[in-house]
Amino acid sequence: MQARAAGAREPGDSDTSFYCRQKMWNSQKLKKIKKFKKLISGFGMVSYLKELPADYFEHVLPDEYNTRKIPRAEYIENIDNFVKQHSGDAAAAITVLQEKLQKYSFMLDVIQKQKNALVGSSADLQENLDLIDYLEKQEDAFETRYELAAGVYAKAIIPKSDKVSLWLGSHVMVEFPYGEARSLLRKNLDDAEQSIVEMAKNLQFIKEQITMVEVSISRVFNWDVQRIKTPTDVIE
């Protein structure tokens, strides 16, 4: 087989299969795919191996990126056997893979929204910490404005104090000394930042699984095209 540039369109490629192949080569995530040499061989791209940098043969993302215990997308070693498991119907096999893809995409959307909400919450916590620092530095009473309604503000005098009230949730407000309030807010901020990091890792893990499923869909599609073109019992 004549060597081609990595990710190049091959004869008989559909737009879908070419898109998936391009995504595979362009994605930085694929630098972490376990035993990438074996995966590439499954694509029939052994001739590309000499063009790959060494870091393509690293492992997939470790389990620490999957704190939510999301099932990994399995690499399909034998397309022929996989299709036979679905009554020899390539369309049915692709439908199963597309359902998996939808599940991963749904999880990606849910976790992304949770992460965005935590990012906003972290900003509020940091703002409250800054406000406590400001209040603690005030030696005398000072004037400020508070919101009565949307776009409506009134003036108020804030007396010198060594305490502040925090909303804890469920319509509960508790008064704390500045030190205790700062400690509580800092703990909540640290927890939020840790959760954001974990969610970012889980998002990266899910994106890797999405790529794997997309690649599998492309391989099954190519297998079916080749089966139609080549009258043979087994096509790998």
C-alpha atoms as a PDB file:
ATOM      1  CA  MET A   1       0.000   0.000   0.000  1.00  0.00           C
ATOM      2  CA  GLN A   2       1.323   3.400  -0.939  1.00  0.00           C
ATOM      3  CA  ALA A   3       2.081   5.664   2.012  1.00  0.00           C
ATOM      4  CA  ARG A   4      -0.081   8.763   2.373  1.00  0.00           C
ATOM      5  CA  ALA A   5       0.114  11.862   4.494  1.00  0.00           C
ATOM      6  CA  ALA A   6      -1.394  11.405   7.933  1.00  0.00           C
ATOM      7  CA  GLY A   7      -5.109  12.113   7.883  1.00  0.00           C
ATOM      8  CA  ALA A   8      -5.282  12.315   4.085  1.00  0.00           C
ATOM      9  CA  ARG A   9      -8.438  11.272   2.258  1.00  0.00           C
ATOM     10  CA  GLU A  10      -8.306   7.689   1.061  1.00  0.00           C
ATOM     11  CA  PRO A  11     -10.024   6.210  -2.014  1.00  0.00           C
ATOM     12  CA  GLY A  12     -13.631   5.395  -1.234  1.00  0.00           C
ATOM     13  CA  ASP A  13     -13.769   7.663   1.814  1.00  0.00           C
ATOM     14  CA  SER A  14     -17.169   9.174   2.515  1.00  0.00           C
ATOM     15  CA  ASP A  15     -17.466  12.665   3.965  1.00  0.00           C
ATOM     16  CA  THR A  16     -18.347  11.129   7.335  1.00  0.00           C
ATOM     17  CA  SER A  17     -15.367   8.775   7.460  1.00  0.00           C
ATOM     18  CA  PHE A  18     -12.989  11.476   6.250  1.00  0.00           C
ATOM     19  CA  TYR A  19     -14.283  13.873   8.920  1.00  0.00           C
ATOM     20  CA  CYS A  20     -13.729  11.274  11.634  1.00  0.00           C
ATOM     21  CA  ARG A  21     -10.235  10.485  10.377  1.00  0.00           C
ATOM     22  CA  GLN A  22      -9.342  14.179  10.239  1.00  0.00           C
ATOM     23  CA  LYS A  23     -10.651  14.632  13.764  1.00  0.00           C
ATOM     24  CA  MET A  24      -8.568  11.699  14.930  1.00  0.00           C
ATOM     25  CA  TRP A  25      -5.354  13.155  13.568  1.00  0.00           C
ATOM     26  CA  ASN A  26      -6.024  16.728  14.614  1.00  0.00           C
ATOM     27  CA  SER A  27      -7.144  15.961  18.165  1.00  0.00           C
ATOM     28  CA  GLN A  28      -4.522  16.353  20.866  1.00  0.00           C
ATOM     29  CA  LYS A  29      -6.388  13.781  22.909  1.00  0.00           C
ATOM     30  CA  LEU A  30      -5.210  11.015  20.611  1.00  0.00           C
ATOM     31  CA  LYS A  31      -1.678  11.526  21.883  1.00  0.00           C
ATOM     32  CA  LYS A  32      -2.882   9.665  24.970  1.00  0.00           C
ATOM     33  CA  ILE A  33      -4.583   6.681  23.327  1.00  0.00           C
ATOM     34  CA  LYS A  34      -3.326   3.390  24.712  1.00  0.00           C
ATOM     35  CA  LYS A  35      -1.381   1.232  22.276  1.00  0.00           C
ATOM     36  CA  PHE A  36      -2.092   3.628  19.442  1.00  0.00           C
ATOM     37  CA  LYS A  37      -0.091   1.449  17.106  1.00  0.00           C
ATOM     38  CA  LYS A  38      -2.694  -1.281  17.438  1.00  0.00           C
ATOM     39  CA  LEU A  39      -5.533   1.149  16.891  1.00  0.00           C
ATOM     40  CA  ILE A  40      -3.947   2.510  13.731  1.00  0.00           C
ATOM     41  CA  SER A  41      -3.438  -1.008  12.416  1.00  0.00           C
ATOM     42  CA  GLY A  42      -7.183  -1.484  12.831  1.00  0.00           C
ATOM     43  CA  PHE A  43      -7.696   1.402  10.431  1.00  0.00           C
ATOM     44  CA  GLY A  44      -5.460  -0.185   7.834  1.00  0.00           C
ATOM     45  CA  MET A  45      -2.987   2.690   8.165  1.00  0.00           C
ATOM     46  CA  VAL A  46       0.148   0.742   9.048  1.00  0.00           C
ATOM     47  CA  SER A  47       2.036   2.713   6.411  1.00  0.00           C
ATOM     48  CA  TYR A  48       1.509   5.874   8.469  1.00  0.00           C
ATOM     49  CA  LEU A  49       3.478   4.578  11.448  1.00  0.00           C
ATOM     50  CA  LYS A  50       6.804   5.976  10.332  1.00  0.00           C
ATOM     51  CA  GLU A  51       5.270   9.465  10.209  1.00  0.00           C
ATOM     52  CA  LEU A  52       3.956   9.434  13.794  1.00  0.00           C
ATOM     53  CA  PRO A  53       5.847  11.150  16.627  1.00  0.00           C
ATOM     54  CA  ALA A  54       6.806   8.995  19.601  1.00  0.00           C
ATOM     55  CA  ASP A  55       4.282  10.638  21.952  1.00  0.00           C
ATOM     56  CA  TYR A  56       1.407   9.119  19.965  1.00  0.00           C
ATOM     57  CA  PHE A  57       2.126   5.839  21.727  1.00  0.00           C
ATOM     58  CA  GLU A  58       1.242   7.000  25.224  1.00  0.00           C
ATOM     59  CA  HIS A  59      -1.605   5.627  27.326  1.00  0.00           C
ATOM     60  CA  VAL A  60      -5.206   6.719  27.408  1.00  0.00           C
ATOM     61  CA  LEU A  61      -6.331   9.078  30.143  1.00  0.00           C
ATOM     62  CA  PRO A  62      -5.936   7.368  33.553  1.00  0.00           C
ATOM     63  CA  ASP A  63      -8.812   6.560  35.908  1.00  0.00           C
ATOM     64  CA  GLU A  64      -8.143   9.700  37.934  1.00  0.00           C
ATOM     65  CA  TYR A  65      -9.736  11.581  35.031  1.00  0.00           C
ATOM     66  CA  ASN A  66     -12.878   9.501  35.485  1.00  0.00           C
ATOM     67  CA  THR A  67     -13.992  10.170  39.055  1.00  0.00           C
ATOM     68  CA  ARG A  68     -17.626   9.614  38.023  1.00  0.00           C
ATOM     69  CA  LYS A  69     -16.899   6.039  36.930  1.00  0.00           C
ATOM     70  CA  ILE A  70     -18.172   6.604  33.403  1.00  0.00           C
ATOM     71  CA  PRO A  71     -17.846   3.432  31.270  1.00  0.00           C
ATOM     72  CA  ARG A  72     -15.023   3.591  28.765  1.00  0.00           C
ATOM     73  CA  ALA A  73     -15.751   3.290  25.063  1.00  0.00           C
ATOM     74  CA  GLU A  74     -14.319  -0.031  23.914  1.00  0.00           C
ATOM     75  CA  TYR A  75     -12.051  -0.294  20.915  1.00  0.00           C
ATOM     76  CA  ILE A  76     -13.569  -2.668  18.356  1.00  0.00           C
ATOM     77  CA  GLU A  77     -10.778  -5.013  17.340  1.00  0.00           C
ATOM     78  CA  ASN A  78     -12.748  -6.992  14.758  1.00  0.00           C
ATOM     79  CA  ILE A  79     -15.402  -5.079  12.839  1.00  0.00           C
ATOM     80  CA  ASP A  80     -16.703  -8.237  11.159  1.00  0.00           C
ATOM     81  CA  ASN A  81     -17.442  -9.932  14.490  1.00  0.00           C
ATOM     82  CA  PHE A  82     -18.952  -6.736  15.884  1.00  0.00           C
ATOM     83  CA  VAL A  83     -21.396  -6.465  12.980  1.00  0.00           C
ATOM     84  CA  LYS A  84     -22.262 -10.163  13.276  1.00  0.00           C
ATOM     85  CA  GLN A  85     -23.327  -9.473  16.869  1.00  0.00           C
ATOM     86  CA  HIS A  86     -25.992  -7.223  15.336  1.00  0.00           C
ATOM     87  CA  SER A  87     -27.354  -9.784  12.861  1.00  0.00           C
ATOM     88  CA  GLY A  88     -24.815  -8.767  10.244  1.00  0.00           C
ATOM     89  CA  ASP A  89     -26.563  -5.425   9.795  1.00  0.00           C
ATOM     90  CA  ALA A  90     -24.026  -2.589   9.628  1.00  0.00           C
ATOM     91  CA  ALA A  91     -26.796  -0.002   9.964  1.00  0.00           C
ATOM     92  CA  ALA A  92     -27.951  -1.601  13.224  1.00  0.00           C
ATOM     93  CA  ALA A  93     -24.376  -1.675  14.509  1.00  0.00           C
ATOM     94  CA  ILE A  94     -23.932   2.001  13.663  1.00  0.00           C
ATOM     95  CA  THR A  95     -27.228   2.798  15.404  1.00  0.00           C
ATOM     96  CA  VAL A  96     -25.940   1.168  18.604  1.00  0.00           C
ATOM     97  CA  LEU A  97     -22.756   3.227  18.404  1.00  0.00           C
ATOM     98  CA  GLN A  98     -24.724   6.402  17.740  1.00  0.00           C
ATOM     99  CA  GLU A  99     -26.803   5.746  20.862  1.00  0.00           C
ATOM    100  CA  LYS A 100     -23.583   5.491  22.869  1.00  0.00           C
ATOM    101  CA  LEU A 101     -22.398   8.704  21.271  1.00  0.00           C
ATOM    102  CA  GLN A 102     -25.611  10.457  22.322  1.00  0.00           C
ATOM    103  CA  LYS A 103     -25.174   9.246  25.914  1.00  0.00           C
ATOM    104  CA  TYR A 104     -21.617  10.541  26.079  1.00  0.00           C
ATOM    105  CA  SER A 105     -22.700  13.836  24.517  1.00  0.00           C
ATOM    106  CA  PHE A 106     -25.496  14.169  27.084  1.00  0.00           C
ATOM    107  CA  MET A 107     -23.084  13.539  29.964  1.00  0.00           C
ATOM    108  CA  LEU A 108     -20.693  16.060  28.458  1.00  0.00           C
ATOM    109  CA  ASP A 109     -23.434  18.705  28.342  1.00  0.00           C
ATOM    110  CA  VAL A 110     -24.597  18.027  31.925  1.00  0.00           C
ATOM    111  CA  ILE A 111     -21.122  18.179  33.454  1.00  0.00           C
ATOM    112  CA  GLN A 112     -20.223  21.252  31.416  1.00  0.00           C
ATOM    113  CA  LYS A 113     -23.270  23.086  32.782  1.00  0.00           C
ATOM    114  CA  GLN A 114     -22.402  22.024  36.336  1.00  0.00           C
ATOM    115  CA  LYS A 115     -18.856  23.238  35.849  1.00  0.00           C
ATOM    116  CA  ASN A 116     -20.046  26.597  34.493  1.00  0.00           C
ATOM    117  CA  ALA A 117     -22.341  27.012  37.508  1.00  0.00           C
ATOM    118  CA  LEU A 118     -19.471  26.291  39.896  1.00  0.00           C
ATOM    119  CA  VAL A 119     -17.244  28.780  38.101  1.00  0.00           C
ATOM    120  CA  GLY A 120     -19.891  31.456  38.661  1.00  0.00           C
ATOM    121  CA  SER A 121     -20.298  30.416  42.301  1.00  0.00           C
ATOM    122  CA  SER A 122     -16.537  30.599  42.821  1.00  0.00           C
ATOM    123  CA  ALA A 123     -16.512  34.154  41.525  1.00  0.00           C
ATOM    124  CA  ASP A 124     -19.230  35.090  44.047  1.00  0.00           C
ATOM    125  CA  LEU A 125     -17.307  33.472  46.900  1.00  0.00           C
ATOM    126  CA  GLN A 126     -14.153  35.344  45.990  1.00  0.00           C
ATOM    127  CA  GLU A 127     -16.136  38.583  45.817  1.00  0.00           C
ATOM    128  CA  ASN A 128     -17.479  37.942  49.326  1.00  0.00           C
ATOM    129  CA  LEU A 129     -13.969  37.286  50.627  1.00  0.00           C
ATOM    130  CA  ASP A 130     -12.805  40.566  49.138  1.00  0.00           C
ATOM    131  CA  LEU A 131     -15.761  42.333  50.767  1.00  0.00           C
ATOM    132  CA  ILE A 132     -14.882  40.935  54.201  1.00  0.00           C
ATOM    133  CA  ASP A 133     -11.328  42.210  53.769  1.00  0.00           C
ATOM    134  CA  TYR A 134     -12.732  45.624  52.858  1.00  0.00           C
ATOM    135  CA  LEU A 135     -15.109  45.738  55.850  1.00  0.00           C
ATOM    136  CA  GLU A 136     -12.379  44.679  58.241  1.00  0.00           C
ATOM    137  CA  LYS A 137     -10.163  47.548  57.112  1.00  0.00           C
ATOM    138  CA  GLN A 138     -12.826  50.208  57.747  1.00  0.00           C
ATOM    139  CA  GLU A 139     -12.117  52.163  60.939  1.00  0.00           C
ATOM    140  CA  ASP A 140     -15.351  54.188  60.914  1.00  0.00           C
ATOM    141  CA  ALA A 141     -18.895  53.953  59.601  1.00  0.00           C
ATOM    142  CA  PHE A 142     -19.209  54.470  55.843  1.00  0.00           C
ATOM    143  CA  GLU A 143     -21.920  55.080  53.282  1.00  0.00           C
ATOM    144  CA  THR A 144     -22.955  52.572  50.642  1.00  0.00           C
ATOM    145  CA  ARG A 145     -25.901  51.723  48.392  1.00  0.00           C
ATOM    146  CA  TYR A 146     -28.031  48.603  48.469  1.00  0.00           C
ATOM    147  CA  GLU A 147     -30.477  47.268  45.907  1.00  0.00           C
ATOM    148  CA  LEU A 148     -34.184  47.580  46.718  1.00  0.00           C
ATOM    149  CA  ALA A 149     -35.360  46.170  43.404  1.00  0.00           C
ATOM    150  CA  ALA A 150     -33.982  45.653  39.939  1.00  0.00           C
ATOM    151  CA  GLY A 151     -32.179  48.894  39.087  1.00  0.00           C
ATOM    152  CA  VAL A 152     -33.413  50.662  42.257  1.00  0.00           C
ATOM    153  CA  TYR A 153     -30.851  51.503  44.975  1.00  0.00           C
ATOM    154  CA  ALA A 154     -30.983  53.325  48.302  1.00  0.00           C
ATOM    155  CA  LYS A 155     -28.276  54.829  50.508  1.00  0.00           C
ATOM    156  CA  ALA A 156     -27.303  53.217  53.796  1.00  0.00           C
ATOM    157  CA  ILE A 157     -24.778  53.813  56.561  1.00  0.00           C
ATOM    158  CA  ILE A 158     -22.705  50.778  57.544  1.00  0.00           C
ATOM    159  CA  PRO A 159     -21.506  51.106  61.160  1.00  0.00           C
ATOM    160  CA  LYS A 160     -18.146  49.830  62.316  1.00  0.00           C
ATOM    161  CA  SER A 161     -18.519  46.144  63.204  1.00  0.00           C
ATOM    162  CA  ASP A 162     -16.489  43.003  63.751  1.00  0.00           C
ATOM    163  CA  LYS A 163     -19.179  40.650  62.434  1.00  0.00           C
ATOM    164  CA  VAL A 164     -20.841  39.857  59.124  1.00  0.00           C
ATOM    165  CA  SER A 165     -23.941  37.844  58.169  1.00  0.00           C
ATOM    166  CA  LEU A 166     -23.761  35.080  55.564  1.00  0.00           C
ATOM    167  CA  TRP A 167     -26.549  33.351  53.693  1.00  0.00           C
ATOM    168  CA  LEU A 168     -26.046  29.603  54.197  1.00  0.00           C
ATOM    169  CA  GLY A 169     -28.930  28.534  51.990  1.00  0.00           C
ATOM    170  CA  SER A 170     -32.517  27.390  52.631  1.00  0.00           C
ATOM    171  CA  HIS A 171     -33.363  30.945  53.763  1.00  0.00           C
ATOM    172  CA  VAL A 172     -30.898  30.693  56.649  1.00  0.00           C
ATOM    173  CA  MET A 173     -28.611  33.601  57.546  1.00  0.00           C
ATOM    174  CA  VAL A 174     -25.980  33.312  60.281  1.00  0.00           C
ATOM    175  CA  GLU A 175     -23.809  36.003  61.833  1.00  0.00           C
ATOM    176  CA  PHE A 176     -20.073  35.258  62.023  1.00  0.00           C
ATOM    177  CA  PRO A 177     -16.983  37.122  63.205  1.00  0.00           C
ATOM    178  CA  TYR A 178     -14.834  38.176  60.272  1.00  0.00           C
ATOM    179  CA  GLY A 179     -12.313  35.402  60.886  1.00  0.00           C
ATOM    180  CA  GLU A 180     -14.891  32.608  60.978  1.00  0.00           C
ATOM    181  CA  ALA A 181     -16.729  34.012  57.974  1.00  0.00           C
ATOM    182  CA  ARG A 182     -13.477  34.163  56.026  1.00  0.00           C
ATOM    183  CA  SER A 183     -12.601  30.573  56.971  1.00  0.00           C
ATOM    184  CA  LEU A 184     -16.024  29.298  55.906  1.00  0.00           C
ATOM    185  CA  LEU A 185     -15.952  31.143  52.586  1.00  0.00           C
ATOM    186  CA  ARG A 186     -12.385  30.033  51.909  1.00  0.00           C
ATOM    187  CA  LYS A 187     -13.316  26.394  52.559  1.00  0.00           C
ATOM    188  CA  ASN A 188     -16.293  26.652  50.222  1.00  0.00           C
ATOM    189  CA  LEU A 189     -14.122  28.296  47.578  1.00  0.00           C
ATOM    190  CA  ASP A 190     -11.439  25.606  47.861  1.00  0.00           C
ATOM    191  CA  ASP A 191     -14.084  22.876  47.576  1.00  0.00           C
ATOM    192  CA  ALA A 192     -15.583  24.563  44.521  1.00  0.00           C
ATOM    193  CA  GLU A 193     -12.197  24.937  42.839  1.00  0.00           C
ATOM    194  CA  GLN A 194     -11.381  21.289  43.508  1.00  0.00           C
ATOM    195  CA  SER A 195     -14.720  20.247  42.015  1.00  0.00           C
ATOM    196  CA  ILE A 196     -14.030  22.398  38.959  1.00  0.00           C
ATOM    197  CA  VAL A 197     -10.704  20.642  38.436  1.00  0.00           C
ATOM    198  CA  GLU A 198     -12.352  17.214  38.769  1.00  0.00           C
ATOM    199  CA  MET A 199     -15.111  18.188  36.352  1.00  0.00           C
ATOM    200  CA  ALA A 200     -12.552  19.450  33.849  1.00  0.00           C
ATOM    201  CA  LYS A 201     -10.820  16.064  34.011  1.00  0.00           C
ATOM    202  CA  ASN A 202     -14.116  14.211  33.571  1.00  0.00           C
ATOM    203  CA  LEU A 203     -14.952  16.405  30.589  1.00  0.00           C
ATOM    204  CA  GLN A 204     -11.613  15.560  29.025  1.00  0.00           C
ATOM    205  CA  PHE A 205     -12.257  11.863  29.648  1.00  0.00           C
ATOM    206  CA  ILE A 206     -15.719  12.027  28.042  1.00  0.00           C
ATOM    207  CA  LYS A 207     -14.333  13.844  25.010  1.00  0.00           C
ATOM    208  CA  GLU A 208     -11.833  11.029  24.575  1.00  0.00           C
ATOM    209  CA  GLN A 209     -14.667   8.468  24.664  1.00  0.00           C
ATOM    210  CA  ILE A 210     -16.643  10.505  22.134  1.00  0.00           C
ATOM    211  CA  THR A 211     -13.657  10.474  19.794  1.00  0.00           C
ATOM    212  CA  MET A 212     -13.319   6.702  20.181  1.00  0.00           C
ATOM    213  CA  VAL A 213     -17.007   6.121  19.367  1.00  0.00           C
ATOM    214  CA  GLU A 214     -16.854   8.458  16.363  1.00  0.00           C
ATOM    215  CA  VAL A 215     -13.845   6.542  15.087  1.00  0.00           C
ATOM    216  CA  SER A 216     -15.713   3.248  15.573  1.00  0.00           C
ATOM    217  CA  ILE A 217     -18.683   4.572  13.601  1.00  0.00           C
ATOM    218  CA  SER A 218     -16.338   5.543  10.787  1.00  0.00           C
ATOM    219  CA  ARG A 219     -14.683   2.116  10.777  1.00  0.00           C
ATOM    220  CA  VAL A 220     -18.025   0.265  10.627  1.00  0.00           C
ATOM    221  CA  PHE A 221     -19.185   2.536   7.814  1.00  0.00           C
ATOM    222  CA  ASN A 222     -15.976   1.916   5.853  1.00  0.00           C
ATOM    223  CA  TRP A 223     -16.288  -1.821   6.524  1.00  0.00           C
ATOM    224  CA  ASP A 224     -19.793  -1.824   5.042  1.00  0.00           C
ATOM    225  CA  VAL A 225     -18.685   0.138   1.970  1.00  0.00           C
ATOM    226  CA  GLN A 226     -15.806  -2.278   1.409  1.00  0.00           C
ATOM    227  CA  ARG A 227     -18.106  -5.271   1.933  1.00  0.00           C
ATOM    228  CA  ILE A 228     -20.399  -4.037  -0.810  1.00  0.00           C
ATOM    229  CA  LYS A 229     -17.471  -3.467  -3.160  1.00  0.00           C
ATOM    230  CA  THR A 230     -15.641  -6.707  -2.335  1.00  0.00           C
ATOM    231  CA  PRO A 231     -17.563 -10.019  -2.420  1.00  0.00           C
ATOM    232  CA  THR A 232     -15.939 -11.788   0.525  1.00  0.00           C
ATOM    233  CA  ASP A 233     -17.149 -13.436   3.696  1.00  0.00           C
ATOM    234  CA  VAL A 234     -14.779 -11.707   6.107  1.00  0.00           C
ATOM    235  CA  ILE A 235     -13.613  -8.125   5.866  1.00  0.00           C
ATOM    236  CA  GLU A 236     -11.469  -6.600   8.562  1.00  0.00           C
END
